[in-house]
Amino acid sequence: MVFWVFGYGSLVWNPGFDYDEKIIGFIKDYRRVFDLACIDHRGTPENPARTCTLEEKEGAICWGAAYCVRGGPEKEKLAMQYLERRECEYDRKTLVNFFKEGDSLHPTLTDVIVFTSTPDKVNNKYYLGPAPLEDMARQIATAYGPCGNNRDYIFLLEKAMHDIGHEDDLVIELANEVKKVLGVGNVVPKEKKQVGAAQLPHPPHVPIPTLQLLPLPEPIALDS
């Protein structure tokens, strides 16, 4: 028994379950967006956080980490139960092809599970939809919940993507805007990259500055 799951948000830096293998790579025709509400981890029903989900877009790629769970039905069941509790705001499981750097034509893995959400405010109570960058930044800068601050989520995601060598332009832009709202830190310049069909180079690494933030309520539960 074996399954693979693709992480593109907090799973990149904090999987939280027992896995056997991790591979850095990407999926095609999806991009990361911050259109999903989180009301029980880094936000509340009254002041929801914004966390990332995936939006279908032809020609886009989304970098992240694929995790393998193997070892029998019980281990697989425990991992999936954990993921379903943690990713409770995501109402769909989608199967995708997963690619490694250097070969964007032949998938390294097929039928990889990825948690996604229905982009419909009527049928998906967690779907917030798009908003201007400044509005999203203000929401992220102020939201917090049992697992901590929404602002930490965006900064940790920014660092995680930097650490795997594949920074996300939207994550950088949003993190920079949150820093402006908070009035702290230095913005990180967005790298201009040309990405070809078969060659996906690492952008140059730019150190992420350490931020000195005013404290909000301490986390008391696991991350989302």
C-alpha atoms as a PDB file:
ATOM      1  CA  MET A   1       0.000   0.000   0.000  1.00  0.00           C
ATOM      2  CA  VAL A   2       1.309   3.456  -0.898  1.00  0.00           C
ATOM      3  CA  PHE A   3       0.023   6.935  -1.586  1.00  0.00           C
ATOM      4  CA  TRP A   4       1.579  10.278  -2.462  1.00  0.00           C
ATOM      5  CA  VAL A   5       0.232  13.668  -1.415  1.00  0.00           C
ATOM      6  CA  PHE A   6       1.341  17.056  -2.778  1.00  0.00           C
ATOM      7  CA  GLY A   7       1.820  19.940  -0.357  1.00  0.00           C
ATOM      8  CA  TYR A   8       1.886  23.550  -1.537  1.00  0.00           C
ATOM      9  CA  GLY A   9       1.100  25.468   1.677  1.00  0.00           C
ATOM     10  CA  SER A  10       2.116  24.695   5.245  1.00  0.00           C
ATOM     11  CA  LEU A  11       2.725  21.047   4.305  1.00  0.00           C
ATOM     12  CA  VAL A  12       5.893  22.228   2.541  1.00  0.00           C
ATOM     13  CA  TRP A  13       7.570  23.138   5.849  1.00  0.00           C
ATOM     14  CA  ASN A  14       5.432  21.292   8.386  1.00  0.00           C
ATOM     15  CA  PRO A  15       3.974  17.992   7.109  1.00  0.00           C
ATOM     16  CA  GLY A  16       3.049  16.812  10.597  1.00  0.00           C
ATOM     17  CA  PHE A  17       2.540  13.132   9.715  1.00  0.00           C
ATOM     18  CA  ASP A  18       4.720  10.063   9.385  1.00  0.00           C
ATOM     19  CA  TYR A  19       5.985   9.845   5.802  1.00  0.00           C
ATOM     20  CA  ASP A  20       8.615   7.720   4.086  1.00  0.00           C
ATOM     21  CA  GLU A  21       9.887   9.914   1.267  1.00  0.00           C
ATOM     22  CA  LYS A  22       9.805  13.579   0.236  1.00  0.00           C
ATOM     23  CA  ILE A  23      10.433  14.945  -3.262  1.00  0.00           C
ATOM     24  CA  ILE A  24      10.583  18.591  -4.325  1.00  0.00           C
ATOM     25  CA  GLY A  25       8.841  19.247  -7.625  1.00  0.00           C
ATOM     26  CA  PHE A  26       5.833  20.810  -9.287  1.00  0.00           C
ATOM     27  CA  ILE A  27       2.396  20.206 -10.744  1.00  0.00           C
ATOM     28  CA  LYS A  28       1.097  21.717 -13.975  1.00  0.00           C
ATOM     29  CA  ASP A  29      -1.876  23.931 -14.833  1.00  0.00           C
ATOM     30  CA  TYR A  30      -2.416  25.116 -11.263  1.00  0.00           C
ATOM     31  CA  ARG A  31      -1.305  28.241  -9.454  1.00  0.00           C
ATOM     32  CA  ARG A  32      -1.267  29.148  -5.767  1.00  0.00           C
ATOM     33  CA  VAL A  33      -3.867  31.728  -4.683  1.00  0.00           C
ATOM     34  CA  PHE A  34      -4.958  33.040  -1.276  1.00  0.00           C
ATOM     35  CA  ASP A  35      -8.703  32.711  -1.705  1.00  0.00           C
ATOM     36  CA  LEU A  36      -9.553  30.289   1.110  1.00  0.00           C
ATOM     37  CA  ALA A  37     -10.737  31.116   4.625  1.00  0.00           C
ATOM     38  CA  CYS A  38      -9.275  29.439   7.677  1.00  0.00           C
ATOM     39  CA  ILE A  39     -11.491  29.806  10.749  1.00  0.00           C
ATOM     40  CA  ASP A  40     -10.068  27.237  13.159  1.00  0.00           C
ATOM     41  CA  HIS A  41      -6.267  27.335  12.830  1.00  0.00           C
ATOM     42  CA  ARG A  42      -4.891  30.792  12.039  1.00  0.00           C
ATOM     43  CA  GLY A  43      -8.216  32.606  12.048  1.00  0.00           C
ATOM     44  CA  THR A  44     -11.679  32.602  13.593  1.00  0.00           C
ATOM     45  CA  PRO A  45     -15.215  32.716  12.150  1.00  0.00           C
ATOM     46  CA  GLU A  46     -15.369  36.408  13.073  1.00  0.00           C
ATOM     47  CA  ASN A  47     -11.928  37.201  11.636  1.00  0.00           C
ATOM     48  CA  PRO A  48     -10.959  34.500   9.136  1.00  0.00           C
ATOM     49  CA  ALA A  49      -7.406  34.016   7.981  1.00  0.00           C
ATOM     50  CA  ARG A  50      -6.483  33.745   4.320  1.00  0.00           C
ATOM     51  CA  THR A  51      -4.614  30.612   3.326  1.00  0.00           C
ATOM     52  CA  CYS A  52      -3.623  29.304  -0.051  1.00  0.00           C
ATOM     53  CA  THR A  53      -5.507  26.994  -2.326  1.00  0.00           C
ATOM     54  CA  LEU A  54      -5.027  26.093  -5.981  1.00  0.00           C
ATOM     55  CA  GLU A  55      -6.620  27.732  -8.999  1.00  0.00           C
ATOM     56  CA  GLU A  56      -6.671  26.033 -12.367  1.00  0.00           C
ATOM     57  CA  LYS A  57      -4.723  27.992 -14.980  1.00  0.00           C
ATOM     58  CA  GLU A  58      -3.442  26.533 -18.216  1.00  0.00           C
ATOM     59  CA  GLY A  59       0.333  26.763 -18.526  1.00  0.00           C
ATOM     60  CA  ALA A  60       0.919  27.594 -14.855  1.00  0.00           C
ATOM     61  CA  ILE A  61       3.094  25.515 -12.537  1.00  0.00           C
ATOM     62  CA  CYS A  62       3.023  25.229  -8.758  1.00  0.00           C
ATOM     63  CA  TRP A  63       6.117  24.114  -6.858  1.00  0.00           C
ATOM     64  CA  GLY A  64       5.909  22.225  -3.605  1.00  0.00           C
ATOM     65  CA  ALA A  65       6.691  18.892  -1.972  1.00  0.00           C
ATOM     66  CA  ALA A  66       5.303  15.406  -2.586  1.00  0.00           C
ATOM     67  CA  TYR A  67       5.202  13.034   0.392  1.00  0.00           C
ATOM     68  CA  CYS A  68       5.007   9.253   0.182  1.00  0.00           C
ATOM     69  CA  VAL A  69       3.305   7.067   2.772  1.00  0.00           C
ATOM     70  CA  ARG A  70       3.957   3.366   2.495  1.00  0.00           C
ATOM     71  CA  GLY A  71       3.952   0.507   4.981  1.00  0.00           C
ATOM     72  CA  GLY A  72       0.471  -0.920   5.055  1.00  0.00           C
ATOM     73  CA  PRO A  73      -3.215   0.023   5.311  1.00  0.00           C
ATOM     74  CA  GLU A  74      -3.081   1.164   8.953  1.00  0.00           C
ATOM     75  CA  LYS A  75      -0.237   3.633   8.400  1.00  0.00           C
ATOM     76  CA  GLU A  76      -1.913   4.952   5.262  1.00  0.00           C
ATOM     77  CA  LYS A  77      -5.235   5.304   7.092  1.00  0.00           C
ATOM     78  CA  LEU A  78      -3.686   7.231   9.989  1.00  0.00           C
ATOM     79  CA  ALA A  79      -1.893   9.633   7.647  1.00  0.00           C
ATOM     80  CA  MET A  80      -5.024  10.305   5.603  1.00  0.00           C
ATOM     81  CA  GLN A  81      -7.165  10.810   8.705  1.00  0.00           C
ATOM     82  CA  TYR A  82      -4.651  13.364   9.957  1.00  0.00           C
ATOM     83  CA  LEU A  83      -4.581  15.163   6.603  1.00  0.00           C
ATOM     84  CA  GLU A  84      -8.370  15.256   6.335  1.00  0.00           C
ATOM     85  CA  ARG A  85      -8.658  16.816   9.796  1.00  0.00           C
ATOM     86  CA  ARG A  86      -5.926  19.322   9.080  1.00  0.00           C
ATOM     87  CA  GLU A  87      -7.115  20.238   5.592  1.00  0.00           C
ATOM     88  CA  CYS A  88     -10.791  20.393   6.601  1.00  0.00           C
ATOM     89  CA  GLU A  89     -11.395  23.659   4.704  1.00  0.00           C
ATOM     90  CA  TYR A  90     -10.535  21.906   1.426  1.00  0.00           C
ATOM     91  CA  ASP A  91     -13.583  20.138   0.016  1.00  0.00           C
ATOM     92  CA  ARG A  92     -11.941  18.199  -2.817  1.00  0.00           C
ATOM     93  CA  LYS A  93      -9.145  15.696  -3.370  1.00  0.00           C
ATOM     94  CA  THR A  94      -7.716  15.951  -6.866  1.00  0.00           C
ATOM     95  CA  LEU A  95      -5.335  13.508  -8.551  1.00  0.00           C
ATOM     96  CA  VAL A  96      -2.469  15.139 -10.445  1.00  0.00           C
ATOM     97  CA  ASN A  97       0.784  14.343 -12.192  1.00  0.00           C
ATOM     98  CA  PHE A  98       3.950  15.408 -10.391  1.00  0.00           C
ATOM     99  CA  PHE A  99       7.161  16.500 -12.107  1.00  0.00           C
ATOM    100  CA  LYS A 100      10.743  16.969 -10.961  1.00  0.00           C
ATOM    101  CA  GLU A 101      13.059  19.746 -12.069  1.00  0.00           C
ATOM    102  CA  GLY A 102      14.764  19.096 -15.385  1.00  0.00           C
ATOM    103  CA  ASP A 103      11.965  17.094 -16.984  1.00  0.00           C
ATOM    104  CA  SER A 104       8.651  18.853 -17.469  1.00  0.00           C
ATOM    105  CA  LEU A 105       7.506  16.404 -20.145  1.00  0.00           C
ATOM    106  CA  HIS A 106       7.481  13.099 -18.259  1.00  0.00           C
ATOM    107  CA  PRO A 107       5.803  12.913 -14.831  1.00  0.00           C
ATOM    108  CA  THR A 108       7.839  11.420 -12.013  1.00  0.00           C
ATOM    109  CA  LEU A 109       4.629  10.397 -10.255  1.00  0.00           C
ATOM    110  CA  THR A 110       1.012   9.974 -11.310  1.00  0.00           C
ATOM    111  CA  ASP A 111      -2.215   9.990  -9.286  1.00  0.00           C
ATOM    112  CA  VAL A 112      -0.740  12.192  -6.570  1.00  0.00           C
ATOM    113  CA  ILE A 113      -3.380  13.457  -4.139  1.00  0.00           C
ATOM    114  CA  VAL A 114      -3.710  17.213  -3.688  1.00  0.00           C
ATOM    115  CA  PHE A 115      -6.255  18.958  -1.476  1.00  0.00           C
ATOM    116  CA  THR A 116      -8.128  21.646  -3.406  1.00  0.00           C
ATOM    117  CA  SER A 117     -11.259  23.721  -2.929  1.00  0.00           C
ATOM    118  CA  THR A 118     -14.348  24.509  -4.983  1.00  0.00           C
ATOM    119  CA  PRO A 119     -14.143  28.161  -6.141  1.00  0.00           C
ATOM    120  CA  ASP A 120     -17.788  28.841  -5.365  1.00  0.00           C
ATOM    121  CA  LYS A 121     -19.009  30.991  -2.480  1.00  0.00           C
ATOM    122  CA  VAL A 122     -22.463  29.385  -2.566  1.00  0.00           C
ATOM    123  CA  ASN A 123     -21.363  25.751  -2.397  1.00  0.00           C
ATOM    124  CA  ASN A 124     -18.138  26.225  -0.443  1.00  0.00           C
ATOM    125  CA  LYS A 125     -18.475  28.220   2.767  1.00  0.00           C
ATOM    126  CA  TYR A 126     -14.694  28.551   3.069  1.00  0.00           C
ATOM    127  CA  TYR A 127     -14.167  30.141  -0.333  1.00  0.00           C
ATOM    128  CA  LEU A 128     -13.482  33.882  -0.015  1.00  0.00           C
ATOM    129  CA  GLY A 129     -12.588  34.582  -3.607  1.00  0.00           C
ATOM    130  CA  PRO A 130      -9.945  36.998  -4.883  1.00  0.00           C
ATOM    131  CA  ALA A 131      -9.400  40.455  -3.415  1.00  0.00           C
ATOM    132  CA  PRO A 132      -7.003  43.373  -4.005  1.00  0.00           C
ATOM    133  CA  LEU A 133      -3.503  42.699  -2.718  1.00  0.00           C
ATOM    134  CA  GLU A 134      -3.753  45.486  -0.138  1.00  0.00           C
ATOM    135  CA  ASP A 135      -7.017  44.107   1.274  1.00  0.00           C
ATOM    136  CA  MET A 136      -5.617  40.598   1.551  1.00  0.00           C
ATOM    137  CA  ALA A 137      -2.506  41.946   3.267  1.00  0.00           C
ATOM    138  CA  ARG A 138      -4.549  43.814   5.888  1.00  0.00           C
ATOM    139  CA  GLN A 139      -6.578  40.676   6.589  1.00  0.00           C
ATOM    140  CA  ILE A 140      -3.463  38.501   6.892  1.00  0.00           C
ATOM    141  CA  ALA A 141      -1.686  41.048   9.076  1.00  0.00           C
ATOM    142  CA  THR A 142      -4.463  41.054  11.699  1.00  0.00           C
ATOM    143  CA  ALA A 143      -6.019  37.565  11.702  1.00  0.00           C
ATOM    144  CA  TYR A 144      -5.042  34.993  14.315  1.00  0.00           C
ATOM    145  CA  GLY A 145      -6.431  31.776  15.747  1.00  0.00           C
ATOM    146  CA  PRO A 146      -5.590  28.765  17.941  1.00  0.00           C
ATOM    147  CA  CYS A 147      -2.536  27.836  15.824  1.00  0.00           C
ATOM    148  CA  GLY A 148      -1.058  31.305  15.658  1.00  0.00           C
ATOM    149  CA  ASN A 149      -1.007  34.384  13.458  1.00  0.00           C
ATOM    150  CA  ASN A 150      -2.009  34.496   9.815  1.00  0.00           C
ATOM    151  CA  ARG A 151       1.000  36.743   9.133  1.00  0.00           C
ATOM    152  CA  ASP A 152       3.367  33.984  10.298  1.00  0.00           C
ATOM    153  CA  TYR A 153       1.774  31.654   7.735  1.00  0.00           C
ATOM    154  CA  ILE A 154       2.691  33.908   4.810  1.00  0.00           C
ATOM    155  CA  PHE A 155       6.205  34.569   6.130  1.00  0.00           C
ATOM    156  CA  LEU A 156       6.849  30.857   6.751  1.00  0.00           C
ATOM    157  CA  LEU A 157       5.569  30.015   3.281  1.00  0.00           C
ATOM    158  CA  GLU A 158       7.811  32.677   1.775  1.00  0.00           C
ATOM    159  CA  LYS A 159      10.811  31.177   3.580  1.00  0.00           C
ATOM    160  CA  ALA A 160       9.833  27.594   2.685  1.00  0.00           C
ATOM    161  CA  MET A 161       9.637  28.390  -1.024  1.00  0.00           C
ATOM    162  CA  HIS A 162      12.964  30.217  -0.803  1.00  0.00           C
ATOM    163  CA  ASP A 163      14.508  27.214   0.948  1.00  0.00           C
ATOM    164  CA  ILE A 164      13.439  24.773  -1.785  1.00  0.00           C
ATOM    165  CA  GLY A 165      14.789  27.142  -4.433  1.00  0.00           C
ATOM    166  CA  HIS A 166      11.495  28.044  -6.106  1.00  0.00           C
ATOM    167  CA  GLU A 167      10.069  31.301  -4.859  1.00  0.00           C
ATOM    168  CA  ASP A 168       6.489  32.228  -5.731  1.00  0.00           C
ATOM    169  CA  ASP A 169       5.940  35.766  -7.039  1.00  0.00           C
ATOM    170  CA  LEU A 170       2.509  36.115  -5.426  1.00  0.00           C
ATOM    171  CA  VAL A 171       3.808  34.908  -2.057  1.00  0.00           C
ATOM    172  CA  ILE A 172       6.648  37.464  -2.196  1.00  0.00           C
ATOM    173  CA  GLU A 173       4.298  40.289  -3.214  1.00  0.00           C
ATOM    174  CA  LEU A 174       1.796  39.436  -0.519  1.00  0.00           C
ATOM    175  CA  ALA A 175       4.467  39.027   2.173  1.00  0.00           C
ATOM    176  CA  ASN A 176       5.952  42.390   1.202  1.00  0.00           C
ATOM    177  CA  GLU A 177       2.544  44.034   1.436  1.00  0.00           C
ATOM    178  CA  VAL A 178       1.916  42.488   4.867  1.00  0.00           C
ATOM    179  CA  LYS A 179       5.275  43.892   6.031  1.00  0.00           C
ATOM    180  CA  LYS A 180       4.163  47.336   4.848  1.00  0.00           C
ATOM    181  CA  VAL A 181       0.922  47.008   6.828  1.00  0.00           C
ATOM    182  CA  LEU A 182       2.879  45.988   9.921  1.00  0.00           C
ATOM    183  CA  GLY A 183       5.522  48.636   9.340  1.00  0.00           C
ATOM    184  CA  VAL A 184       8.385  46.202   9.891  1.00  0.00           C
ATOM    185  CA  GLY A 185      11.214  44.507   8.015  1.00  0.00           C
ATOM    186  CA  ASN A 186      12.559  44.978   4.507  1.00  0.00           C
ATOM    187  CA  VAL A 187      10.724  43.874   1.409  1.00  0.00           C
ATOM    188  CA  VAL A 188      12.271  41.050  -0.609  1.00  0.00           C
ATOM    189  CA  PRO A 189      12.834  41.865  -4.300  1.00  0.00           C
ATOM    190  CA  LYS A 190      10.885  39.701  -6.715  1.00  0.00           C
ATOM    191  CA  GLU A 191      13.134  37.817  -9.111  1.00  0.00           C
ATOM    192  CA  LYS A 192      12.364  37.997 -12.825  1.00  0.00           C
ATOM    193  CA  LYS A 193      12.550  34.466 -14.219  1.00  0.00           C
ATOM    194  CA  GLN A 194      12.242  32.973 -17.694  1.00  0.00           C
ATOM    195  CA  VAL A 195      11.022  29.391 -17.460  1.00  0.00           C
ATOM    196  CA  GLY A 196      11.146  27.083 -20.445  1.00  0.00           C
ATOM    197  CA  ALA A 197       9.152  23.939 -21.097  1.00  0.00           C
ATOM    198  CA  ALA A 198      11.926  21.486 -20.282  1.00  0.00           C
ATOM    199  CA  GLN A 199      14.285  23.501 -18.119  1.00  0.00           C
ATOM    200  CA  LEU A 200      13.150  25.063 -14.840  1.00  0.00           C
ATOM    201  CA  PRO A 201      16.178  26.752 -13.240  1.00  0.00           C
ATOM    202  CA  HIS A 202      16.609  27.708  -9.607  1.00  0.00           C
ATOM    203  CA  PRO A 203      16.415  31.475  -9.088  1.00  0.00           C
ATOM    204  CA  PRO A 204      19.257  33.122  -7.157  1.00  0.00           C
ATOM    205  CA  HIS A 205      18.837  32.838  -3.405  1.00  0.00           C
ATOM    206  CA  VAL A 206      18.249  36.106  -1.578  1.00  0.00           C
ATOM    207  CA  PRO A 207      18.397  35.936   2.241  1.00  0.00           C
ATOM    208  CA  ILE A 208      15.031  36.448   3.903  1.00  0.00           C
ATOM    209  CA  PRO A 209      15.405  39.113   6.599  1.00  0.00           C
ATOM    210  CA  THR A 210      14.391  38.291  10.155  1.00  0.00           C
ATOM    211  CA  LEU A 211      11.357  40.248  11.281  1.00  0.00           C
ATOM    212  CA  GLN A 212      10.777  41.743  14.699  1.00  0.00           C
ATOM    213  CA  LEU A 213       7.019  41.571  15.237  1.00  0.00           C
ATOM    214  CA  LEU A 214       4.751  42.576  18.056  1.00  0.00           C
ATOM    215  CA  PRO A 215       3.295  39.479  19.750  1.00  0.00           C
ATOM    216  CA  LEU A 216      -0.255  38.283  19.229  1.00  0.00           C
ATOM    217  CA  PRO A 217      -1.907  35.427  21.183  1.00  0.00           C
ATOM    218  CA  GLU A 218       0.243  32.315  21.522  1.00  0.00           C
ATOM    219  CA  PRO A 219      -0.627  29.207  19.461  1.00  0.00           C
ATOM    220  CA  ILE A 220      -2.348  26.417  21.317  1.00  0.00           C
ATOM    221  CA  ALA A 221      -2.923  23.793  18.601  1.00  0.00           C
ATOM    222  CA  LEU A 222      -1.321  22.187  15.545  1.00  0.00           C
ATOM    223  CA  ASP A 223      -0.866  24.162  12.345  1.00  0.00           C
ATOM    224  CA  SER A 224      -3.061  24.010   9.273  1.00  0.00           C
END
